All heavy atoms as atom14 arrays in JSON, in Angstrom:
{
  "sequence": "NEITECQKAFWPVQTYAFGKKAKRIFIVDIPKEGQFEVIFNNPET",
  "atom14_mask": [
    [1, 1, 1, 1, 1, 1, 1, 1, 0, 0, 0, 0, 0, 0],
    [1, 1, 1, 1, 1, 1, 1, 1, 1, 0, 0, 0, 0, 0],
    [1, 1, 1, 1, 1, 1, 1, 1, 0, 0, 0, 0, 0, 0],
    [1, 1, 1, 1, 1, 1, 1, 0, 0, 0, 0, 0, 0, 0],
    [1, 1, 1, 1, 1, 1, 1, 1, 1, 0, 0, 0, 0, 0],
    [1, 1, 1, 1, 1, 1, 0, 0, 0, 0, 0, 0, 0, 0],
    [1, 1, 1, 1, 1, 1, 1, 1, 1, 0, 0, 0, 0, 0],
    [1, 1, 1, 1, 1, 1, 1, 1, 1, 0, 0, 0, 0, 0],
    [1, 1, 1, 1, 1, 0, 0, 0, 0, 0, 0, 0, 0, 0],
    [1, 1, 1, 1, 1, 1, 1, 1, 1, 1, 1, 0, 0, 0],
    [1, 1, 1, 1, 1, 1, 1, 1, 1, 1, 1, 1, 1, 1],
    [1, 1, 1, 1, 1, 1, 1, 0, 0, 0, 0, 0, 0, 0],
    [1, 1, 1, 1, 1, 1, 1, 0, 0, 0, 0, 0, 0, 0],
    [1, 1, 1, 1, 1, 1, 1, 1, 1, 0, 0, 0, 0, 0],
    [1, 1, 1, 1, 1, 1, 1, 0, 0, 0, 0, 0, 0, 0],
    [1, 1, 1, 1, 1, 1, 1, 1, 1, 1, 1, 1, 0, 0],
    [1, 1, 1, 1, 1, 0, 0, 0, 0, 0, 0, 0, 0, 0],
    [1, 1, 1, 1, 1, 1, 1, 1, 1, 1, 1, 0, 0, 0],
    [1, 1, 1, 1, 0, 0, 0, 0, 0, 0, 0, 0, 0, 0],
    [1, 1, 1, 1, 1, 1, 1, 1, 1, 0, 0, 0, 0, 0],
    [1, 1, 1, 1, 1, 1, 1, 1, 1, 0, 0, 0, 0, 0],
    [1, 1, 1, 1, 1, 0, 0, 0, 0, 0, 0, 0, 0, 0],
    [1, 1, 1, 1, 1, 1, 1, 1, 1, 0, 0, 0, 0, 0],
    [1, 1, 1, 1, 1, 1, 1, 1, 1, 1, 1, 0, 0, 0],
    [1, 1, 1, 1, 1, 1, 1, 1, 0, 0, 0, 0, 0, 0],
    [1, 1, 1, 1, 1, 1, 1, 1, 1, 1, 1, 0, 0, 0],
    [1, 1, 1, 1, 1, 1, 1, 1, 0, 0, 0, 0, 0, 0],
    [1, 1, 1, 1, 1, 1, 1, 0, 0, 0, 0, 0, 0, 0],
    [1, 1, 1, 1, 1, 1, 1, 1, 0, 0, 0, 0, 0, 0],
    [1, 1, 1, 1, 1, 1, 1, 1, 0, 0, 0, 0, 0, 0],
    [1, 1, 1, 1, 1, 1, 1, 0, 0, 0, 0, 0, 0, 0],
    [1, 1, 1, 1, 1, 1, 1, 1, 1, 0, 0, 0, 0, 0],
    [1, 1, 1, 1, 1, 1, 1, 1, 1, 0, 0, 0, 0, 0],
    [1, 1, 1, 1, 0, 0, 0, 0, 0, 0, 0, 0, 0, 0],
    [1, 1, 1, 1, 1, 1, 1, 1, 1, 0, 0, 0, 0, 0],
    [1, 1, 1, 1, 1, 1, 1, 1, 1, 1, 1, 0, 0, 0],
    [1, 1, 1, 1, 1, 1, 1, 1, 1, 0, 0, 0, 0, 0],
    [1, 1, 1, 1, 1, 1, 1, 0, 0, 0, 0, 0, 0, 0],
    [1, 1, 1, 1, 1, 1, 1, 1, 0, 0, 0, 0, 0, 0],
    [1, 1, 1, 1, 1, 1, 1, 1, 1, 1, 1, 0, 0, 0],
    [1, 1, 1, 1, 1, 1, 1, 1, 0, 0, 0, 0, 0, 0],
    [1, 1, 1, 1, 1, 1, 1, 1, 0, 0, 0, 0, 0, 0],
    [1, 1, 1, 1, 1, 1, 1, 0, 0, 0, 0, 0, 0, 0],
    [1, 1, 1, 1, 1, 1, 1, 1, 1, 0, 0, 0, 0, 0],
    [1, 1, 1, 1, 1, 1, 1, 0, 0, 0, 0, 0, 0, 0]
  ],
  "atom14_positions": [
    [[-161.81, -97.58, 21.19], [-163.08, -98.28, 20.96], [-164.26, -97.32, 20.82], [-165.41, -97.74, 20.88], [-163.37, -99.31, 22.04], [-162.46, -100.51, 21.92], [-162.08, -100.91, 20.82], [-162.09, -101.09, 23.05], [0.0, 0.0, 0.0], [0.0, 0.0, 0.0], [0.0, 0.0, 0.0], [0.0, 0.0, 0.0], [0.0, 0.0, 0.0], [0.0, 0.0, 0.0]],
    [[-163.99, -96.02, 20.65], [-165.04, -95.04, 20.45], [-165.64, -95.23, 19.05], [-164.92, -95.37, 18.08], [-164.46, -93.63, 20.57], [-165.49, -92.54, 20.39], [-164.88, -91.16, 20.51], [-163.82, -91.01, 21.15], [-165.47, -90.23, 19.94], [0.0, 0.0, 0.0], [0.0, 0.0, 0.0], [0.0, 0.0, 0.0], [0.0, 0.0, 0.0], [0.0, 0.0, 0.0]],
    [[-166.96, -95.22, 18.97], [-167.66, -95.41, 17.7], [-168.19, -94.07, 17.21], [-168.85, -93.34, 17.96], [-168.78, -96.44, 17.82], [-168.17, -97.81, 18.13], [-169.62, -96.49, 16.55], [-169.17, -98.92, 18.32], [0.0, 0.0, 0.0], [0.0, 0.0, 0.0], [0.0, 0.0, 0.0], [0.0, 0.0, 0.0], [0.0, 0.0, 0.0], [0.0, 0.0, 0.0]],
    [[-167.88, -93.76, 15.94], [-168.36, -92.54, 15.31], [-169.33, -92.93, 14.21], [-168.98, -93.68, 13.3], [-167.18, -91.73, 14.71], [-166.24, -91.46, 15.75], [-167.67, -90.44, 14.11], [0.0, 0.0, 0.0], [0.0, 0.0, 0.0], [0.0, 0.0, 0.0], [0.0, 0.0, 0.0], [0.0, 0.0, 0.0], [0.0, 0.0, 0.0], [0.0, 0.0, 0.0]],
    [[-170.56, -92.44, 14.31], [-171.6, -92.76, 13.34], [-171.58, -91.76, 12.17], [-171.34, -90.57, 12.38], [-172.99, -92.7, 14.0], [-173.17, -93.65, 15.15], [-173.34, -95.09, 14.74], [-173.79, -95.33, 13.6], [-173.01, -95.96, 15.55], [0.0, 0.0, 0.0], [0.0, 0.0, 0.0], [0.0, 0.0, 0.0], [0.0, 0.0, 0.0], [0.0, 0.0, 0.0]],
    [[-171.86, -92.25, 10.99], [-172.0, -91.39, 9.81], [-173.4, -90.81, 9.78], [-174.36, -91.46, 10.22], [-171.76, -92.18, 8.54], [-170.07, -92.75, 8.36], [0.0, 0.0, 0.0], [0.0, 0.0, 0.0], [0.0, 0.0, 0.0], [0.0, 0.0, 0.0], [0.0, 0.0, 0.0], [0.0, 0.0, 0.0], [0.0, 0.0, 0.0], [0.0, 0.0, 0.0]],
    [[-173.53, -89.62, 9.24], [-174.82, -88.97, 9.07], [-175.18, -88.97, 7.59], [-174.3, -88.83, 6.74], [-174.76, -87.52, 9.58], [-174.33, -87.41, 11.03], [-175.27, -88.12, 11.98], [-176.49, -88.0, 11.86], [-174.72, -88.88, 12.89], [0.0, 0.0, 0.0], [0.0, 0.0, 0.0], [0.0, 0.0, 0.0], [0.0, 0.0, 0.0], [0.0, 0.0, 0.0]],
    [[-176.47, -89.11, 7.28], [-176.91, -89.03, 5.88], [-176.53, -87.67, 5.32], [-176.65, -86.65, 6.0], [-178.42, -89.2, 5.76], [-178.88, -90.61, 5.79], [-180.37, -90.66, 5.5], [-180.87, -92.07, 5.48], [-182.29, -92.13, 5.19], [0.0, 0.0, 0.0], [0.0, 0.0, 0.0], [0.0, 0.0, 0.0], [0.0, 0.0, 0.0], [0.0, 0.0, 0.0]],
    [[-176.07, -87.67, 4.08], [-175.69, -86.42, 3.43], [-176.92, -85.56, 3.2], [-177.91, -86.03, 2.64], [-174.98, -86.71, 2.11], [0.0, 0.0, 0.0], [0.0, 0.0, 0.0], [0.0, 0.0, 0.0], [0.0, 0.0, 0.0], [0.0, 0.0, 0.0], [0.0, 0.0, 0.0], [0.0, 0.0, 0.0], [0.0, 0.0, 0.0], [0.0, 0.0, 0.0]],
    [[-176.85, -84.31, 3.63], [-177.96, -83.39, 3.42], [-178.11, -83.07, 1.93], [-179.21, -82.97, 1.42], [-177.73, -82.1, 4.23], [-178.87, -81.13, 4.15], [-180.05, -81.38, 4.83], [-178.78, -79.99, 3.38], [-181.11, -80.5, 4.76], [-179.83, -79.09, 3.3], [-181.0, -79.35, 3.99], [0.0, 0.0, 0.0], [0.0, 0.0, 0.0], [0.0, 0.0, 0.0]],
    [[-176.99, -82.91, 1.24], [-176.97, -82.69, -0.21], [-176.35, -83.92, -0.86], [-175.13, -84.03, -0.93], [-176.13, -81.45, -0.57], [-176.67, -80.19, -0.01], [-176.16, -79.47, 1.02], [-177.83, -79.48, -0.44], [-176.93, -78.37, 1.27], [-177.96, -78.34, 0.38], [-178.78, -79.69, -1.44], [-179.0, -77.43, 0.24], [-179.81, -78.77, -1.57], [-179.91, -77.67, -0.75]],
    [[-177.15, -84.87, -1.33], [-176.61, -86.08, -1.97], [-176.1, -85.8, -3.38], [-176.77, -86.07, -4.37], [-177.79, -87.05, -1.96], [-178.99, -86.17, -1.93], [-178.59, -84.91, -1.21], [0.0, 0.0, 0.0], [0.0, 0.0, 0.0], [0.0, 0.0, 0.0], [0.0, 0.0, 0.0], [0.0, 0.0, 0.0], [0.0, 0.0, 0.0], [0.0, 0.0, 0.0]],
    [[-174.92, -85.2, -3.47], [-174.33, -84.76, -4.73], [-174.05, -85.95, -5.66], [-173.58, -86.99, -5.21], [-173.01, -84.0, -4.44], [-172.31, -83.61, -5.72], [-173.31, -82.77, -3.59], [0.0, 0.0, 0.0], [0.0, 0.0, 0.0], [0.0, 0.0, 0.0], [0.0, 0.0, 0.0], [0.0, 0.0, 0.0], [0.0, 0.0, 0.0], [0.0, 0.0, 0.0]],
    [[-174.34, -85.74, -6.95], [-174.05, -86.74, -7.97], [-172.77, -86.34, -8.7], [-172.59, -85.18, -9.02], [-175.2, -86.85, -8.96], [-176.5, -87.24, -8.32], [-177.64, -87.25, -9.31], [-177.48, -87.68, -10.42], [-178.79, -86.76, -8.89], [0.0, 0.0, 0.0], [0.0, 0.0, 0.0], [0.0, 0.0, 0.0], [0.0, 0.0, 0.0], [0.0, 0.0, 0.0]],
    [[-171.9, -87.31, -8.96], [-170.64, -87.02, -9.62], [-170.13, -88.29, -10.3], [-170.85, -89.28, -10.4], [-169.62, -86.47, -8.6], [-168.47, -86.02, -9.3], [-169.25, -87.49, -7.55], [0.0, 0.0, 0.0], [0.0, 0.0, 0.0], [0.0, 0.0, 0.0], [0.0, 0.0, 0.0], [0.0, 0.0, 0.0], [0.0, 0.0, 0.0], [0.0, 0.0, 0.0]],
    [[-168.89, -88.24, -10.76], [-168.21, -89.41, -11.32], [-166.9, -89.6, -10.58], [-166.21, -88.64, -10.25], [-167.93, -89.22, -12.82], [-169.15, -89.43, -13.68], [-170.03, -88.39, -13.91], [-169.42, -90.67, -14.24], [-171.16, -88.57, -14.69], [-170.54, -90.86, -15.02], [-171.4, -89.8, -15.25], [-172.52, -90.01, -16.01], [0.0, 0.0, 0.0], [0.0, 0.0, 0.0]],
    [[-166.54, -90.85, -10.31], [-165.26, -91.19, -9.7], [-164.8, -92.52, -10.28], [-165.6, -93.44, -10.43], [-165.38, -91.28, -8.19], [0.0, 0.0, 0.0], [0.0, 0.0, 0.0], [0.0, 0.0, 0.0], [0.0, 0.0, 0.0], [0.0, 0.0, 0.0], [0.0, 0.0, 0.0], [0.0, 0.0, 0.0], [0.0, 0.0, 0.0], [0.0, 0.0, 0.0]],
    [[-163.53, -92.61, -10.63], [-162.98, -93.83, -11.2], [-163.75, -94.28, -12.44], [-163.94, -95.46, -12.68], [-162.94, -94.96, -10.17], [-162.08, -94.64, -8.99], [-162.63, -94.19, -7.81], [-160.69, -94.76, -9.06], [-161.84, -93.89, -6.72], [-159.9, -94.46, -7.98], [-160.47, -94.01, -6.8], [0.0, 0.0, 0.0], [0.0, 0.0, 0.0], [0.0, 0.0, 0.0]],
    [[-164.27, -93.3, -13.19], [-165.0, -93.6, -14.41], [-166.39, -94.16, -14.19], [-167.01, -94.67, -15.12], [0.0, 0.0, 0.0], [0.0, 0.0, 0.0], [0.0, 0.0, 0.0], [0.0, 0.0, 0.0], [0.0, 0.0, 0.0], [0.0, 0.0, 0.0], [0.0, 0.0, 0.0], [0.0, 0.0, 0.0], [0.0, 0.0, 0.0], [0.0, 0.0, 0.0]],
    [[-166.9, -94.08, -12.97], [-168.23, -94.61, -12.66], [-169.09, -93.51, -12.04], [-168.59, -92.55, -11.46], [-168.13, -95.76, -11.66], [-167.4, -96.96, -12.19], [-167.39, -98.06, -11.16], [-166.66, -99.28, -11.72], [-166.7, -100.39, -10.79], [0.0, 0.0, 0.0], [0.0, 0.0, 0.0], [0.0, 0.0, 0.0], [0.0, 0.0, 0.0], [0.0, 0.0, 0.0]],
    [[-170.41, -93.68, -12.16], [-171.33, -92.77, -11.49], [-171.18, -92.94, -9.99], [-170.96, -94.04, -9.5], [-172.77, -93.06, -11.9], [-173.05, -92.77, -13.36], [-174.47, -93.14, -13.72], [-174.73, -92.86, -15.18], [-176.1, -93.2, -15.58], [0.0, 0.0, 0.0], [0.0, 0.0, 0.0], [0.0, 0.0, 0.0], [0.0, 0.0, 0.0], [0.0, 0.0, 0.0]],
    [[-171.3, -91.82, -9.27], [-171.17, -91.86, -7.82], [-172.15, -90.87, -7.19], [-172.53, -89.88, -7.8], [-169.74, -91.49, -7.42], [0.0, 0.0, 0.0], [0.0, 0.0, 0.0], [0.0, 0.0, 0.0], [0.0, 0.0, 0.0], [0.0, 0.0, 0.0], [0.0, 0.0, 0.0], [0.0, 0.0, 0.0], [0.0, 0.0, 0.0], [0.0, 0.0, 0.0]],
    [[-172.55, -91.18, -5.96], [-173.46, -90.3, -5.24], [-173.03, -90.23, -3.78], [-172.77, -91.25, -3.15], [-174.89, -90.82, -5.33], [-175.91, -89.84, -4.79], [-177.28, -90.16, -5.28], [-178.25, -89.05, -4.95], [-179.54, -89.28, -5.54], [0.0, 0.0, 0.0], [0.0, 0.0, 0.0], [0.0, 0.0, 0.0], [0.0, 0.0, 0.0], [0.0, 0.0, 0.0]],
    [[-172.98, -88.99, -3.25], [-172.64, -88.8, -1.85], [-173.8, -89.31, -1.0], [-174.95, -88.9, -1.2], [-172.39, -87.33, -1.56], [-171.95, -87.08, -0.12], [-171.81, -85.63, 0.22], [-170.98, -84.93, -0.75], [-171.01, -83.61, -0.91], [-171.8, -82.86, -0.19], [-170.23, -83.04, -1.79], [0.0, 0.0, 0.0], [0.0, 0.0, 0.0], [0.0, 0.0, 0.0]],
    [[-173.49, -90.18, -0.05], [-174.56, -90.73, 0.79], [-174.38, -90.41, 2.27], [-175.35, -90.32, 2.99], [-174.71, -92.26, 0.59], [-173.4, -92.99, 0.88], [-175.23, -92.58, -0.79], [-173.54, -94.5, 0.93], [0.0, 0.0, 0.0], [0.0, 0.0, 0.0], [0.0, 0.0, 0.0], [0.0, 0.0, 0.0], [0.0, 0.0, 0.0], [0.0, 0.0, 0.0]],
    [[-173.14, -90.28, 2.72], [-172.89, -90.01, 4.13], [-171.81, -88.96, 4.31], [-170.97, -88.76, 3.43], [-172.42, -91.28, 4.87], [-173.46, -92.35, 5.02], [-173.32, -93.56, 4.38], [-174.56, -92.16, 5.83], [-174.26, -94.56, 4.51], [-175.51, -93.14, 5.97], [-175.36, -94.35, 5.32], [0.0, 0.0, 0.0], [0.0, 0.0, 0.0], [0.0, 0.0, 0.0]],
    [[-171.83, -88.35, 5.48], [-170.77, -87.45, 5.92], [-170.41, -87.86, 7.34], [-171.3, -88.22, 8.13], [-171.24, -85.98, 5.89], [-171.47, -85.56, 4.45], [-170.23, -85.07, 6.57], [-171.97, -84.16, 4.28], [0.0, 0.0, 0.0], [0.0, 0.0, 0.0], [0.0, 0.0, 0.0], [0.0, 0.0, 0.0], [0.0, 0.0, 0.0], [0.0, 0.0, 0.0]],
    [[-169.12, -87.83, 7.65], [-168.69, -88.2, 8.99], [-167.6, -87.24, 9.46], [-166.73, -86.86, 8.68], [-168.21, -89.68, 9.06], [-166.99, -89.9, 8.19], [-167.95, -90.11, 10.49], [0.0, 0.0, 0.0], [0.0, 0.0, 0.0], [0.0, 0.0, 0.0], [0.0, 0.0, 0.0], [0.0, 0.0, 0.0], [0.0, 0.0, 0.0], [0.0, 0.0, 0.0]],
    [[-167.7, -86.83, 10.72], [-166.68, -85.99, 11.34], [-165.86, -86.88, 12.27], [-166.39, -87.38, 13.27], [-167.31, -84.85, 12.13], [-167.95, -83.81, 11.22], [-167.27, -83.36, 10.28], [-169.12, -83.47, 11.45], [0.0, 0.0, 0.0], [0.0, 0.0, 0.0], [0.0, 0.0, 0.0], [0.0, 0.0, 0.0], [0.0, 0.0, 0.0], [0.0, 0.0, 0.0]],
    [[-164.6, -87.08, 11.94], [-163.7, -87.89, 12.76], [-163.04, -86.96, 13.77], [-162.29, -86.06, 13.4], [-162.65, -88.62, 11.88], [-163.33, -89.55, 10.87], [-161.63, -89.37, 12.75], [-164.1, -90.71, 11.5], [0.0, 0.0, 0.0], [0.0, 0.0, 0.0], [0.0, 0.0, 0.0], [0.0, 0.0, 0.0], [0.0, 0.0, 0.0], [0.0, 0.0, 0.0]],
    [[-163.3, -87.17, 15.09], [-162.79, -86.25, 16.1], [-161.31, -86.46, 16.46], [-160.64, -85.53, 16.89], [-163.68, -86.53, 17.32], [-164.14, -87.92, 17.13], [-164.22, -88.15, 15.65], [0.0, 0.0, 0.0], [0.0, 0.0, 0.0], [0.0, 0.0, 0.0], [0.0, 0.0, 0.0], [0.0, 0.0, 0.0], [0.0, 0.0, 0.0], [0.0, 0.0, 0.0]],
    [[-160.81, -87.68, 16.29], [-159.44, -87.99, 16.68], [-158.83, -88.92, 15.64], [-159.44, -89.93, 15.28], [-159.44, -88.67, 18.05], [-158.07, -89.04, 18.56], [-158.16, -89.73, 19.9], [-156.76, -90.16, 20.33], [-156.78, -90.93, 21.57], [0.0, 0.0, 0.0], [0.0, 0.0, 0.0], [0.0, 0.0, 0.0], [0.0, 0.0, 0.0], [0.0, 0.0, 0.0]],
    [[-157.64, -88.58, 15.16], [-157.01, -89.41, 14.14], [-156.59, -90.75, 14.71], [-156.43, -90.91, 15.92], [-155.83, -88.69, 13.49], [-154.59, -88.57, 14.34], [-153.45, -87.95, 13.55], [-153.52, -86.76, 13.26], [-152.51, -88.69, 13.24], [0.0, 0.0, 0.0], [0.0, 0.0, 0.0], [0.0, 0.0, 0.0], [0.0, 0.0, 0.0], [0.0, 0.0, 0.0]],
    [[-156.44, -91.73, 13.8], [-156.0, -93.04, 14.23], [-156.44, -94.11, 13.25], [-156.92, -93.84, 12.15], [0.0, 0.0, 0.0], [0.0, 0.0, 0.0], [0.0, 0.0, 0.0], [0.0, 0.0, 0.0], [0.0, 0.0, 0.0], [0.0, 0.0, 0.0], [0.0, 0.0, 0.0], [0.0, 0.0, 0.0], [0.0, 0.0, 0.0], [0.0, 0.0, 0.0]],
    [[-156.28, -95.34, 13.67], [-156.68, -96.51, 12.9], [-158.11, -96.85, 13.29], [-158.44, -96.93, 14.48], [-155.74, -97.68, 13.21], [-155.81, -98.83, 12.27], [-155.21, -98.52, 10.91], [-154.43, -97.6, 10.75], [-155.58, -99.3, 9.92], [0.0, 0.0, 0.0], [0.0, 0.0, 0.0], [0.0, 0.0, 0.0], [0.0, 0.0, 0.0], [0.0, 0.0, 0.0]],
    [[-158.97, -97.05, 12.28], [-160.38, -97.32, 12.51], [-160.82, -98.6, 11.83], [-160.37, -98.92, 10.74], [-161.25, -96.17, 11.96], [-161.14, -94.9, 12.73], [-160.09, -94.01, 12.5], [-162.08, -94.58, 13.69], [-160.0, -92.82, 13.21], [-161.99, -93.4, 14.4], [-160.94, -92.52, 14.17], [0.0, 0.0, 0.0], [0.0, 0.0, 0.0], [0.0, 0.0, 0.0]],
    [[-161.73, -99.3, 12.48], [-162.43, -100.42, 11.86], [-163.69, -99.85, 11.24], [-164.42, -99.09, 11.88], [-162.8, -101.48, 12.91], [-163.6, -102.63, 12.35], [-164.06, -103.6, 13.42], [-163.6, -103.5, 14.57], [-164.9, -104.46, 13.1], [0.0, 0.0, 0.0], [0.0, 0.0, 0.0], [0.0, 0.0, 0.0], [0.0, 0.0, 0.0], [0.0, 0.0, 0.0]],
    [[-163.96, -100.21, 9.99], [-165.16, -99.73, 9.3], [-166.26, -100.76, 9.54], [-166.08, -101.95, 9.29], [-164.9, -99.56, 7.79], [-166.15, -99.01, 7.11], [-163.7, -98.67, 7.54], [0.0, 0.0, 0.0], [0.0, 0.0, 0.0], [0.0, 0.0, 0.0], [0.0, 0.0, 0.0], [0.0, 0.0, 0.0], [0.0, 0.0, 0.0], [0.0, 0.0, 0.0]],
    [[-167.39, -100.29, 10.05], [-168.51, -101.19, 10.35], [-169.67, -100.86, 9.41], [-170.17, -99.74, 9.41], [-168.95, -101.03, 11.82], [-167.78, -101.31, 12.75], [-170.15, -101.94, 12.12], [-168.02, -100.89, 14.19], [0.0, 0.0, 0.0], [0.0, 0.0, 0.0], [0.0, 0.0, 0.0], [0.0, 0.0, 0.0], [0.0, 0.0, 0.0], [0.0, 0.0, 0.0]],
    [[-170.06, -101.85, 8.62], [-171.2, -101.71, 7.7], [-172.4, -102.41, 8.34], [-172.36, -103.6, 8.6], [-170.9, -102.34, 6.35], [-169.73, -101.72, 5.64], [-168.54, -102.41, 5.49], [-169.81, -100.44, 5.12], [-167.46, -101.85, 4.84], [-168.75, -99.86, 4.47], [-167.57, -100.57, 4.32], [0.0, 0.0, 0.0], [0.0, 0.0, 0.0], [0.0, 0.0, 0.0]],
    [[-173.46, -101.65, 8.58], [-174.68, -102.21, 9.15], [-175.72, -102.39, 8.06], [-176.0, -101.46, 7.32], [-175.22, -101.28, 10.24], [-174.22, -101.09, 11.36], [-173.77, -102.04, 11.97], [-173.85, -99.85, 11.61], [0.0, 0.0, 0.0], [0.0, 0.0, 0.0], [0.0, 0.0, 0.0], [0.0, 0.0, 0.0], [0.0, 0.0, 0.0], [0.0, 0.0, 0.0]],
    [[-176.29, -103.57, 7.95], [-177.35, -103.9, 7.0], [-176.98, -103.59, 5.55], [-177.75, -102.95, 4.83], [-178.65, -103.17, 7.36], [-179.08, -103.46, 8.77], [-179.15, -104.61, 9.19], [-179.35, -102.42, 9.54], [0.0, 0.0, 0.0], [0.0, 0.0, 0.0], [0.0, 0.0, 0.0], [0.0, 0.0, 0.0], [0.0, 0.0, 0.0], [0.0, 0.0, 0.0]],
    [[-175.82, -104.03, 5.07], [-175.44, -103.73, 3.68], [-176.37, -104.34, 2.65], [-176.47, -103.84, 1.53], [-174.02, -104.28, 3.56], [-173.93, -105.33, 4.61], [-174.82, -104.86, 5.74], [0.0, 0.0, 0.0], [0.0, 0.0, 0.0], [0.0, 0.0, 0.0], [0.0, 0.0, 0.0], [0.0, 0.0, 0.0], [0.0, 0.0, 0.0], [0.0, 0.0, 0.0]],
    [[-177.07, -105.38, 3.02], [-177.99, -106.04, 2.08], [-179.2, -105.17, 1.73], [-179.89, -105.42, 0.74], [-178.46, -107.4, 2.63], [-179.34, -107.33, 3.86], [-178.6, -107.1, 5.19], [-177.36, -107.08, 5.21], [-179.3, -106.92, 6.2], [0.0, 0.0, 0.0], [0.0, 0.0, 0.0], [0.0, 0.0, 0.0], [0.0, 0.0, 0.0], [0.0, 0.0, 0.0]],
    [[-179.45, -104.12, 2.52], [-180.6, -103.24, 2.23], [-180.23, -102.09, 1.3], [-181.12, -101.36, 0.86], [-181.19, -102.67, 3.53], [-180.24, -101.82, 4.16], [-181.6, -103.79, 4.49], [0.0, 0.0, 0.0], [0.0, 0.0, 0.0], [0.0, 0.0, 0.0], [0.0, 0.0, 0.0], [0.0, 0.0, 0.0], [0.0, 0.0, 0.0], [0.0, 0.0, 0.0]]
  ]
}
């Protein structure tokens, strides 16, 4: 039940993935491998 927060990307790199424009927005360091629930906070913003 440990929660790991993502940090805003210091260098928001622009690229293409799956034929679409993409931009790096977050970086996260996962300290321990395992199954994780992804929590999206305020996706409407």
